[in-house]
Amino acid sequence: GSYEIIVVNNGSTDNTARIIAPLQQEIKNLKIVDVLLNRGYGNGILSGLKEAKGDVLGWMHADGQMPLGYLLLIYKKLIDENLDLCKAVRQSRDESFWRQLQSAVYNFLFRFLFRVDYLDINATPKIFKKSLYERLGGKPAITAVVDDFVGRVAADSRINGKFANTEEEGSYKVSGG
């Protein structure tokens, strides 16, 4: 079947752009999204999803924390079991005790606040049907939730002024595919 690979260069200041650009000659279905100003991990994901054309969408970290083969296993499970979303759950982590504790607390709070039985919220790959993304409202809905949260945090005096918002546009450019 057809597929596309979208690589998001999320405002990196290293050699990422120079490394990924030649790959477009080798991989015909590769699209590169260059986010010029890094406005966070989530914005990088949303920028890539906005450009995706397929019926199945997803993302994974490019830092090698999950072997690439898991992408195919998760995709196959999504299709074979007619799931809306399927993702990895890390069984072991090569991280400091402090990082593992932060993750455990974050995952506990997520499950408690949203009343879901969802393990390892930040593990990737995450693969899901485009229909799910659209039912959830796509980027505008996700952005609205984030903006509402940001507004509530900014209005909370207990934050002690340790919060800032940027008015800069998160412009990006797309090439390939």
Protein backbone atom coordinates (compact mmCIF):
# COMPACT_ATOMS: atom_id res chain seq x y z
CA GLY A 1 0.00 0.00 0.00
CA SER A 2 0.91 3.62 -0.07
CA TYR A 3 2.57 5.41 2.80
CA GLU A 4 4.31 8.62 3.67
CA ILE A 5 7.03 9.42 6.14
CA ILE A 6 7.02 12.89 7.64
CA VAL A 7 10.12 14.07 9.43
CA VAL A 8 9.62 17.18 11.55
CA ASN A 9 12.72 19.27 12.08
CA ASN A 10 11.40 21.09 15.14
CA GLY A 11 13.57 24.22 15.12
CA SER A 12 16.75 22.28 15.73
CA THR A 13 20.03 24.16 15.78
CA ASP A 14 22.24 21.17 15.09
CA ASN A 15 22.91 19.41 11.76
CA THR A 16 19.45 17.81 11.51
CA ALA A 17 18.38 19.73 8.37
CA ARG A 18 21.63 18.90 6.59
CA ILE A 19 21.33 15.22 7.52
CA ILE A 20 17.68 14.70 6.54
CA ALA A 21 17.61 16.74 3.30
CA PRO A 22 19.52 14.16 1.19
CA LEU A 23 17.16 11.42 2.38
CA GLN A 24 14.43 12.91 0.16
CA GLN A 25 16.43 11.71 -2.85
CA GLU A 26 16.51 8.16 -1.48
CA ILE A 27 12.99 7.91 -0.04
CA LYS A 28 10.33 9.05 -2.51
CA ASN A 29 7.53 9.23 0.10
CA LEU A 30 9.51 11.39 2.53
CA LYS A 31 8.18 14.80 3.44
CA ILE A 32 10.16 17.17 5.64
CA VAL A 33 8.39 19.73 7.80
CA ASP A 34 10.75 22.44 9.02
CA VAL A 35 9.38 24.22 12.08
CA LEU A 36 11.44 27.39 12.11
CA LEU A 37 10.81 28.31 15.75
CA ASN A 38 10.63 25.46 18.25
CA ARG A 39 7.43 26.01 20.22
CA GLY A 40 7.66 22.70 22.01
CA TYR A 41 7.40 19.00 21.38
CA GLY A 42 3.61 19.02 20.99
CA ASN A 43 3.70 21.76 18.37
CA GLY A 44 6.21 19.72 16.39
CA ILE A 45 3.86 16.73 16.45
CA LEU A 46 0.84 18.84 15.46
CA SER A 47 2.83 20.43 12.62
CA GLY A 48 3.58 16.98 11.23
CA LEU A 49 0.01 15.74 11.68
CA LYS A 50 -1.32 18.78 9.83
CA GLU A 51 0.64 17.69 6.74
CA ALA A 52 -0.26 13.99 6.95
CA LYS A 53 -2.52 12.66 4.18
CA GLY A 54 -3.01 9.03 5.18
CA ASP A 55 -5.88 7.18 6.85
CA VAL A 56 -3.54 6.03 9.64
CA LEU A 57 -1.42 8.61 11.44
CA GLY A 58 1.18 8.42 14.13
CA TRP A 59 4.48 9.58 15.47
CA MET A 60 7.55 8.33 17.20
CA HIS A 61 10.67 9.83 18.69
CA ALA A 62 13.70 10.00 16.44
CA ASP A 63 16.14 9.43 19.30
CA GLY A 64 16.12 5.64 19.07
CA GLN A 65 14.44 5.03 22.43
CA MET A 66 12.16 2.51 20.70
CA PRO A 67 13.37 0.10 17.98
CA LEU A 68 11.88 0.94 14.57
CA GLY A 69 10.42 -2.57 14.27
CA TYR A 70 7.83 -1.72 16.93
CA LEU A 71 6.25 0.73 14.52
CA LEU A 72 5.21 -2.14 12.24
CA LEU A 73 4.02 -4.30 15.15
CA ILE A 74 1.85 -1.50 16.51
CA TYR A 75 0.46 -0.69 13.05
CA LYS A 76 -0.38 -4.36 12.47
CA LYS A 77 -2.18 -4.61 15.83
CA LEU A 78 -4.17 -1.44 15.06
CA ILE A 79 -5.32 -2.85 11.70
CA ASP A 80 -5.80 -6.51 12.75
CA GLU A 81 -7.87 -5.63 15.83
CA ASN A 82 -9.65 -2.65 14.23
CA LEU A 83 -8.48 -0.31 16.98
CA ASP A 84 -8.71 3.48 16.94
CA LEU A 85 -5.34 3.91 18.66
CA CYS A 86 -2.44 1.66 19.52
CA LYS A 87 0.83 2.60 21.20
CA ALA A 88 3.93 1.24 22.84
CA VAL A 89 4.41 0.78 26.56
CA ARG A 90 8.03 0.76 27.71
CA GLN A 91 8.83 -2.31 29.79
CA SER A 92 12.21 -1.03 30.92
CA ARG A 93 13.88 2.34 30.77
CA ASP A 94 17.53 3.31 30.76
CA GLU A 95 16.98 6.57 32.64
CA SER A 96 17.92 8.04 35.98
CA PHE A 97 15.89 7.30 39.08
CA TRP A 98 14.75 10.95 39.12
CA ARG A 99 13.46 10.76 35.52
CA GLN A 100 11.66 7.48 36.20
CA LEU A 101 10.05 8.96 39.32
CA GLN A 102 8.87 12.02 37.38
CA SER A 103 7.36 9.76 34.73
CA ALA A 104 5.62 7.55 37.32
CA VAL A 105 4.06 10.59 39.03
CA TYR A 106 3.04 12.11 35.69
CA ASN A 107 1.42 8.86 34.52
CA PHE A 108 -0.39 8.44 37.85
CA LEU A 109 -1.76 11.99 37.69
CA PHE A 110 -2.85 11.49 34.08
CA ARG A 111 -4.75 8.30 34.93
CA PHE A 112 -6.29 9.90 38.03
CA LEU A 113 -7.34 13.20 36.41
CA PHE A 114 -8.68 11.73 33.19
CA ARG A 115 -10.02 8.47 34.68
CA VAL A 116 -8.37 6.26 32.08
CA ASP A 117 -6.42 3.03 32.30
CA TYR A 118 -3.64 4.23 30.02
CA LEU A 119 -0.09 3.17 30.76
CA ASP A 120 3.04 5.12 29.87
CA ILE A 121 1.33 8.10 28.22
CA ASN A 122 4.53 9.42 26.62
CA ALA A 123 5.76 6.17 25.07
CA THR A 124 5.91 6.07 21.29
CA PRO A 125 5.17 5.05 18.63
CA LYS A 126 1.56 6.13 18.81
CA ILE A 127 -0.49 5.03 15.80
CA PHE A 128 -4.13 5.96 15.29
CA LYS A 129 -6.80 6.24 12.65
CA LYS A 130 -7.26 9.62 11.03
CA SER A 131 -10.98 9.26 11.78
CA LEU A 132 -10.14 9.35 15.52
CA TYR A 133 -8.05 12.49 15.07
CA GLU A 134 -10.91 14.12 13.15
CA ARG A 135 -13.53 13.00 15.73
CA LEU A 136 -11.42 14.70 18.38
CA GLY A 137 -11.44 17.88 16.29
CA GLY A 138 -7.95 17.69 14.79
CA LYS A 139 -5.37 20.37 15.43
CA PRO A 140 -7.88 23.18 16.20
CA ALA A 141 -9.50 21.17 19.01
CA ILE A 142 -6.19 20.02 20.47
CA THR A 143 -4.84 23.57 20.28
CA ALA A 144 -8.00 24.90 21.98
CA VAL A 145 -7.54 22.46 24.89
CA VAL A 146 -3.90 23.48 25.26
CA ASP A 147 -4.78 27.20 25.00
CA ASP A 148 -7.49 26.78 27.65
CA PHE A 149 -5.02 25.04 29.95
CA VAL A 150 -2.39 27.72 29.32
CA GLY A 151 -4.97 30.41 30.09
CA ARG A 152 -5.94 28.74 33.36
CA VAL A 153 -2.29 28.36 34.38
CA ALA A 154 -1.56 32.00 33.51
CA ALA A 155 -4.57 33.17 35.57
CA ASP A 156 -3.60 31.14 38.65
CA SER A 157 -1.81 33.41 41.12
CA ARG A 158 -0.16 30.36 42.75
CA ILE A 159 2.09 30.03 39.70
CA ASN A 160 4.06 32.99 41.13
CA GLY A 161 4.66 34.65 37.79
CA LYS A 162 6.80 31.76 36.56
CA PHE A 163 4.83 31.40 33.36
CA ALA A 164 5.27 33.11 30.02
CA ASN A 165 3.44 33.04 26.73
CA THR A 166 4.86 33.84 23.33
CA GLU A 167 3.00 35.66 20.60
CA GLU A 168 5.34 34.52 17.85
CA GLU A 169 3.88 32.45 15.05
CA GLY A 170 5.20 28.89 14.87
CA SER A 171 5.77 29.05 11.13
CA TYR A 172 7.08 26.08 9.27
CA LYS A 173 7.76 24.94 5.75
CA VAL A 174 7.11 21.62 4.09
CA SER A 175 9.11 19.89 1.39
CA GLY A 176 8.93 16.59 -0.46
CA GLY A 177 6.24 13.93 -0.66
